């Protein structure tokens, strides 16, 4: 089998990543909700004509929430695969992973409030 070029490898890697993102969106209820919220907030950004700096913070916040939620889902799936049924140590790991999502979500919510509260008042 011939070795694939750097470009072919990158294209294949992007395809795999897109497949993973679509699987995440198709199979996880929490991500569906978060993607919906991201779309609403993005529409709000266009409606209120937010600044470039506000767009940077908003996009960063959205990507952090979605990315950490993806990692949380991966941790949960791997944990369930490795140790089916309840295990105290696995539960601890899953709780920490969920906590990370919560922390990033709180930060993203604060960013959203800082951007949008002044637009309403």
N, C-alpha and C. Protein backbone atom coordinates (compact mmCIF):
# COMPACT_ATOMS: atom_id res chain seq x y z
N UNK A 1 0.85 -1.18 0.00
CA UNK A 1 0.00 0.00 0.00
C UNK A 1 0.89 1.24 0.00
N UNK A 2 0.73 2.14 -0.99
CA UNK A 2 1.57 3.33 -1.05
C UNK A 2 1.22 4.29 0.09
N UNK A 3 2.25 5.00 0.56
CA UNK A 3 2.07 5.98 1.62
C UNK A 3 1.32 7.18 1.06
N UNK A 4 0.29 7.64 1.80
CA UNK A 4 -0.48 8.79 1.33
C UNK A 4 0.29 10.08 1.60
N UNK A 5 0.05 11.06 0.76
CA UNK A 5 0.72 12.34 0.89
C UNK A 5 0.21 13.09 2.13
N UNK A 6 0.94 14.11 2.50
CA UNK A 6 0.53 14.95 3.63
C UNK A 6 -0.87 15.52 3.38
N UNK A 7 -1.10 16.04 2.17
CA UNK A 7 -2.39 16.63 1.83
C UNK A 7 -3.50 15.59 1.90
N UNK A 8 -3.27 14.42 1.35
CA UNK A 8 -4.28 13.35 1.41
C UNK A 8 -4.58 12.97 2.86
N UNK A 9 -3.54 12.91 3.68
CA UNK A 9 -3.71 12.58 5.09
C UNK A 9 -4.55 13.65 5.80
N UNK A 10 -4.28 14.93 5.52
CA UNK A 10 -5.03 16.02 6.15
C UNK A 10 -6.49 15.98 5.70
N UNK A 11 -6.73 15.75 4.42
CA UNK A 11 -8.10 15.68 3.91
C UNK A 11 -8.85 14.53 4.57
N UNK A 12 -8.20 13.38 4.70
CA UNK A 12 -8.81 12.23 5.35
C UNK A 12 -9.10 12.54 6.81
N UNK A 13 -8.18 13.20 7.48
CA UNK A 13 -8.37 13.56 8.89
C UNK A 13 -9.55 14.51 9.08
N UNK A 14 -9.68 15.48 8.19
CA UNK A 14 -10.80 16.42 8.27
C UNK A 14 -12.12 15.66 8.05
N UNK A 15 -12.13 14.73 7.11
CA UNK A 15 -13.32 13.93 6.87
C UNK A 15 -13.73 13.13 8.10
N UNK A 16 -12.74 12.54 8.76
CA UNK A 16 -13.02 11.78 9.98
C UNK A 16 -13.56 12.70 11.07
N UNK A 17 -12.97 13.88 11.21
CA UNK A 17 -13.42 14.84 12.22
C UNK A 17 -14.86 15.30 11.93
N UNK A 18 -15.17 15.58 10.68
CA UNK A 18 -16.53 15.97 10.31
C UNK A 18 -17.52 14.85 10.62
N UNK A 19 -17.12 13.62 10.32
CA UNK A 19 -17.97 12.46 10.64
C UNK A 19 -18.24 12.41 12.14
N UNK A 20 -17.21 12.63 12.94
CA UNK A 20 -17.37 12.63 14.39
C UNK A 20 -18.29 13.73 14.87
N UNK A 21 -18.13 14.93 14.31
CA UNK A 21 -18.99 16.05 14.70
C UNK A 21 -20.45 15.77 14.35
N UNK A 22 -20.67 15.20 13.17
CA UNK A 22 -22.05 14.87 12.77
C UNK A 22 -22.63 13.77 13.65
N UNK A 23 -21.83 12.77 13.99
CA UNK A 23 -22.30 11.71 14.91
C UNK A 23 -22.68 12.31 16.26
N UNK A 24 -21.87 13.22 16.74
CA UNK A 24 -22.14 13.88 18.01
C UNK A 24 -23.47 14.62 17.95
N UNK A 25 -23.68 15.39 16.90
CA UNK A 25 -24.91 16.17 16.75
C UNK A 25 -26.12 15.27 16.57
N UNK A 26 -25.97 14.19 15.81
CA UNK A 26 -27.09 13.28 15.55
C UNK A 26 -27.49 12.46 16.78
N UNK A 27 -26.54 12.12 17.63
CA UNK A 27 -26.82 11.14 18.68
C UNK A 27 -26.97 11.71 20.08
N UNK A 28 -26.55 12.94 20.31
CA UNK A 28 -26.55 13.47 21.68
C UNK A 28 -27.54 14.62 21.84
N UNK A 29 -28.51 14.43 22.73
CA UNK A 29 -29.55 15.43 22.96
C UNK A 29 -28.96 16.75 23.46
N UNK A 30 -27.98 16.68 24.36
CA UNK A 30 -27.43 17.92 24.92
C UNK A 30 -26.75 18.75 23.83
N UNK A 31 -26.07 18.11 22.92
CA UNK A 31 -25.42 18.84 21.82
C UNK A 31 -26.47 19.45 20.90
N UNK A 32 -27.56 18.75 20.67
CA UNK A 32 -28.63 19.31 19.83
C UNK A 32 -29.14 20.61 20.43
N UNK A 33 -29.34 20.62 21.74
CA UNK A 33 -29.80 21.83 22.43
C UNK A 33 -28.74 22.92 22.31
N UNK A 34 -27.48 22.57 22.51
CA UNK A 34 -26.41 23.55 22.46
C UNK A 34 -26.21 24.12 21.05
N UNK A 35 -26.37 23.28 20.05
CA UNK A 35 -26.28 23.76 18.66
C UNK A 35 -27.44 24.71 18.37
N UNK A 36 -28.63 24.38 18.86
CA UNK A 36 -29.78 25.27 18.69
C UNK A 36 -29.51 26.63 19.33
N UNK A 37 -29.02 26.61 20.57
CA UNK A 37 -28.69 27.86 21.27
C UNK A 37 -27.63 28.63 20.49
N UNK A 38 -26.62 27.92 19.98
CA UNK A 38 -25.57 28.58 19.19
C UNK A 38 -26.15 29.25 17.95
N UNK A 39 -27.09 28.60 17.29
CA UNK A 39 -27.72 29.19 16.10
C UNK A 39 -28.54 30.41 16.47
N UNK A 40 -29.28 30.35 17.59
CA UNK A 40 -30.07 31.50 18.04
C UNK A 40 -29.17 32.68 18.38
N UNK A 41 -28.09 32.41 19.11
CA UNK A 41 -27.17 33.47 19.50
C UNK A 41 -26.47 34.05 18.27
N UNK A 42 -26.13 33.19 17.32
CA UNK A 42 -25.51 33.67 16.08
C UNK A 42 -26.48 34.57 15.31
N UNK A 43 -27.74 34.16 15.24
CA UNK A 43 -28.75 35.01 14.59
C UNK A 43 -28.85 36.34 15.34
N UNK A 44 -28.80 36.29 16.67
CA UNK A 44 -28.82 37.51 17.47
C UNK A 44 -27.64 38.41 17.15
N UNK A 45 -26.49 37.81 16.92
CA UNK A 45 -25.31 38.59 16.55
C UNK A 45 -25.51 39.36 15.26
N UNK A 46 -26.15 38.71 14.29
CA UNK A 46 -26.44 39.41 13.03
C UNK A 46 -27.51 40.47 13.23
N UNK A 47 -28.54 40.13 13.99
CA UNK A 47 -29.64 41.06 14.22
C UNK A 47 -29.15 42.33 14.92
N UNK A 48 -28.34 42.17 15.96
CA UNK A 48 -27.86 43.31 16.73
C UNK A 48 -26.56 43.91 16.19
N UNK A 49 -26.06 43.33 15.10
CA UNK A 49 -24.84 43.84 14.46
C UNK A 49 -23.71 44.00 15.48
N UNK A 50 -23.40 42.90 16.18
CA UNK A 50 -22.37 42.97 17.21
C UNK A 50 -21.00 43.25 16.58
N UNK A 51 -20.10 43.77 17.40
CA UNK A 51 -18.78 44.18 16.91
C UNK A 51 -17.91 42.95 16.62
N UNK A 52 -16.80 43.18 15.93
CA UNK A 52 -15.86 42.10 15.64
C UNK A 52 -15.35 41.46 16.93
N UNK A 53 -15.07 42.28 17.92
CA UNK A 53 -14.60 41.75 19.20
C UNK A 53 -15.67 40.89 19.86
N UNK A 54 -16.92 41.34 19.81
CA UNK A 54 -18.02 40.55 20.37
C UNK A 54 -18.17 39.23 19.61
N UNK A 55 -18.01 39.27 18.29
CA UNK A 55 -18.06 38.03 17.50
C UNK A 55 -16.96 37.07 17.93
N UNK A 56 -15.77 37.60 18.16
CA UNK A 56 -14.65 36.75 18.58
C UNK A 56 -14.99 36.04 19.89
N UNK A 57 -15.47 36.79 20.86
CA UNK A 57 -15.83 36.19 22.14
C UNK A 57 -16.98 35.21 22.00
N UNK A 58 -17.97 35.57 21.21
CA UNK A 58 -19.13 34.69 21.02
C UNK A 58 -18.73 33.39 20.35
N UNK A 59 -17.95 33.47 19.30
CA UNK A 59 -17.51 32.25 18.59
C UNK A 59 -16.63 31.40 19.49
N UNK A 60 -15.76 32.04 20.25
CA UNK A 60 -14.91 31.31 21.20
C UNK A 60 -15.77 30.59 22.23
N UNK A 61 -16.76 31.28 22.77
CA UNK A 61 -17.62 30.68 23.79
C UNK A 61 -18.41 29.50 23.22
N UNK A 62 -18.98 29.66 22.04
CA UNK A 62 -19.73 28.59 21.40
C UNK A 62 -18.83 27.39 21.15
N UNK A 63 -17.66 27.64 20.58
CA UNK A 63 -16.76 26.53 20.25
C UNK A 63 -16.26 25.82 21.50
N UNK A 64 -16.04 26.56 22.57
CA UNK A 64 -15.61 25.92 23.83
C UNK A 64 -16.71 25.01 24.38
N UNK A 65 -17.94 25.49 24.41
CA UNK A 65 -19.03 24.67 24.93
C UNK A 65 -19.20 23.41 24.09
N UNK A 66 -19.25 23.57 22.78
CA UNK A 66 -19.45 22.40 21.91
C UNK A 66 -18.27 21.45 21.97
N UNK A 67 -17.06 21.98 22.01
CA UNK A 67 -15.88 21.14 22.08
C UNK A 67 -15.79 20.36 23.39
N UNK A 68 -16.01 21.03 24.51
CA UNK A 68 -15.94 20.36 25.80
C UNK A 68 -17.09 19.37 25.94
N UNK A 69 -18.25 19.70 25.40
CA UNK A 69 -19.37 18.74 25.41
C UNK A 69 -19.01 17.49 24.61
N UNK A 70 -18.32 17.68 23.49
CA UNK A 70 -17.86 16.53 22.71
C UNK A 70 -16.89 15.66 23.50
N UNK A 71 -15.95 16.30 24.19
CA UNK A 71 -15.02 15.54 25.03
C UNK A 71 -15.74 14.84 26.17
N UNK A 72 -16.73 15.52 26.77
CA UNK A 72 -17.52 14.90 27.84
C UNK A 72 -18.23 13.66 27.32
N UNK A 73 -18.81 13.75 26.15
CA UNK A 73 -19.50 12.61 25.55
C UNK A 73 -18.52 11.47 25.30
N UNK A 74 -17.34 11.80 24.80
CA UNK A 74 -16.32 10.76 24.56
C UNK A 74 -15.91 10.09 25.86
N UNK A 75 -15.72 10.86 26.93
CA UNK A 75 -15.36 10.30 28.23
C UNK A 75 -16.47 9.37 28.72
N UNK A 76 -17.72 9.80 28.59
CA UNK A 76 -18.85 8.97 29.03
C UNK A 76 -18.93 7.67 28.23
N UNK A 77 -18.81 7.76 26.91
CA UNK A 77 -18.90 6.56 26.06
C UNK A 77 -17.75 5.60 26.36
N UNK A 78 -16.53 6.14 26.49
CA UNK A 78 -15.38 5.30 26.80
C UNK A 78 -15.53 4.66 28.17
N UNK A 79 -16.00 5.43 29.14
CA UNK A 79 -16.20 4.91 30.49
C UNK A 79 -17.22 3.77 30.49
N UNK A 80 -18.32 3.96 29.77
CA UNK A 80 -19.35 2.91 29.69
C UNK A 80 -18.84 1.67 28.98
N UNK A 81 -17.96 1.85 28.01
CA UNK A 81 -17.38 0.72 27.29
C UNK A 81 -16.41 -0.06 28.18
N UNK A 82 -15.57 0.67 28.90
CA UNK A 82 -14.55 0.05 29.75
C UNK A 82 -15.18 -0.63 30.95
N UNK A 83 -16.16 0.01 31.53
CA UNK A 83 -16.76 -0.51 32.77
C UNK A 83 -18.29 -0.37 32.70
N UNK A 84 -18.97 -1.33 32.06
CA UNK A 84 -20.44 -1.27 32.03
C UNK A 84 -20.99 -1.37 33.46
N UNK A 85 -22.10 -0.76 33.69
CA UNK A 85 -22.67 -0.76 35.04
C UNK A 85 -22.04 0.33 35.88
N UNK A 86 -22.54 0.45 37.12
CA UNK A 86 -22.05 1.52 37.97
C UNK A 86 -20.72 1.16 38.61
N UNK A 87 -19.82 2.12 38.61
CA UNK A 87 -18.54 2.00 39.31
C UNK A 87 -18.25 3.37 39.91
N UNK A 88 -17.90 3.39 41.20
CA UNK A 88 -17.66 4.65 41.90
C UNK A 88 -16.57 5.48 41.22
N UNK A 89 -15.48 4.87 40.83
CA UNK A 89 -14.38 5.61 40.20
C UNK A 89 -14.78 6.16 38.84
N UNK A 90 -15.50 5.36 38.06
CA UNK A 90 -15.97 5.82 36.74
C UNK A 90 -16.98 6.95 36.94
N UNK A 91 -17.85 6.81 37.93
CA UNK A 91 -18.81 7.88 38.23
C UNK A 91 -18.12 9.18 38.57
N UNK A 92 -17.03 9.09 39.33
CA UNK A 92 -16.24 10.28 39.68
C UNK A 92 -15.68 10.94 38.43
N UNK A 93 -15.13 10.14 37.54
CA UNK A 93 -14.57 10.65 36.28
C UNK A 93 -15.66 11.32 35.44
N UNK A 94 -16.80 10.67 35.33
CA UNK A 94 -17.90 11.23 34.54
C UNK A 94 -18.44 12.52 35.16
N UNK A 95 -18.48 12.57 36.48
CA UNK A 95 -18.94 13.80 37.16
C UNK A 95 -17.99 14.96 36.89
N UNK A 96 -16.69 14.71 36.92
CA UNK A 96 -15.70 15.75 36.64
C UNK A 96 -15.85 16.24 35.20
N UNK A 97 -16.05 15.31 34.28
CA UNK A 97 -16.22 15.67 32.88
C UNK A 97 -17.47 16.53 32.69
N UNK A 98 -18.56 16.16 33.33
CA UNK A 98 -19.79 16.94 33.25
C UNK A 98 -19.60 18.32 33.90
N UNK A 99 -18.83 18.35 34.98
CA UNK A 99 -18.54 19.61 35.65
C UNK A 99 -17.78 20.56 34.74
N UNK A 100 -16.88 20.02 33.94
CA UNK A 100 -16.12 20.86 32.99
C UNK A 100 -17.07 21.51 31.99
N UNK A 101 -18.06 20.76 31.52
CA UNK A 101 -19.05 21.32 30.60
C UNK A 101 -19.83 22.44 31.29
N UNK A 102 -20.21 22.20 32.54
CA UNK A 102 -20.97 23.21 33.28
C UNK A 102 -20.16 24.50 33.43
N UNK A 103 -18.88 24.38 33.80
CA UNK A 103 -18.04 25.56 33.99
C UNK A 103 -17.91 26.37 32.71
N UNK A 104 -17.67 25.70 31.60
CA UNK A 104 -17.55 26.39 30.31
C UNK A 104 -18.89 27.01 29.91
N UNK A 105 -19.98 26.31 30.19
CA UNK A 105 -21.31 26.83 29.87
C UNK A 105 -21.64 28.08 30.68
N UNK A 106 -21.25 28.09 31.93
CA UNK A 106 -21.45 29.29 32.76
C UNK A 106 -20.66 30.46 32.18
N UNK A 107 -19.41 30.21 31.83
CA UNK A 107 -18.58 31.26 31.22
C UNK A 107 -19.18 31.76 29.92
N UNK A 108 -19.67 30.85 29.09
CA UNK A 108 -20.29 31.24 27.82
C UNK A 108 -21.56 32.06 28.06
N UNK A 109 -22.32 31.67 29.07
CA UNK A 109 -23.54 32.42 29.40
C UNK A 109 -23.21 33.83 29.86
N UNK A 110 -22.18 33.96 30.65
CA UNK A 110 -21.76 35.29 31.11
C UNK A 110 -21.31 36.15 29.92
N UNK A 111 -20.55 35.55 29.01
CA UNK A 111 -20.15 36.28 27.80
C UNK A 111 -21.38 36.75 27.03
N UNK A 112 -22.35 35.84 26.87
CA UNK A 112 -23.59 36.21 26.17
C UNK A 112 -24.33 37.34 26.86
N UNK A 113 -24.39 37.30 28.18
CA UNK A 113 -25.06 38.37 28.92
C UNK A 113 -24.33 39.70 28.76
N UNK A 114 -23.01 39.66 28.81
CA UNK A 114 -22.22 40.89 28.65
C UNK A 114 -22.45 41.50 27.26
N UNK A 115 -22.56 40.63 26.26
CA UNK A 115 -22.76 41.12 24.89
C UNK A 115 -24.18 41.63 24.69
N UNK A 116 -25.19 40.87 25.16
CA UNK A 116 -26.57 41.15 24.75
C UNK A 116 -27.40 41.98 25.71
N UNK A 117 -27.10 42.00 26.99
CA UNK A 117 -27.91 42.83 27.90
C UNK A 117 -27.89 44.31 27.47
N UNK A 118 -26.72 44.86 27.13
CA UNK A 118 -26.74 46.28 26.68
C UNK A 118 -27.55 46.51 25.40
N UNK A 119 -27.71 45.49 24.59
CA UNK A 119 -28.48 45.65 23.34
C UNK A 119 -29.97 45.82 23.61
N UNK A 120 -30.43 45.29 24.76
CA UNK A 120 -31.84 45.37 25.11
C UNK A 120 -32.19 46.62 25.91
N UNK A 121 -31.17 47.27 26.48
CA UNK A 121 -31.44 48.43 27.35
C UNK A 121 -30.79 49.69 26.83
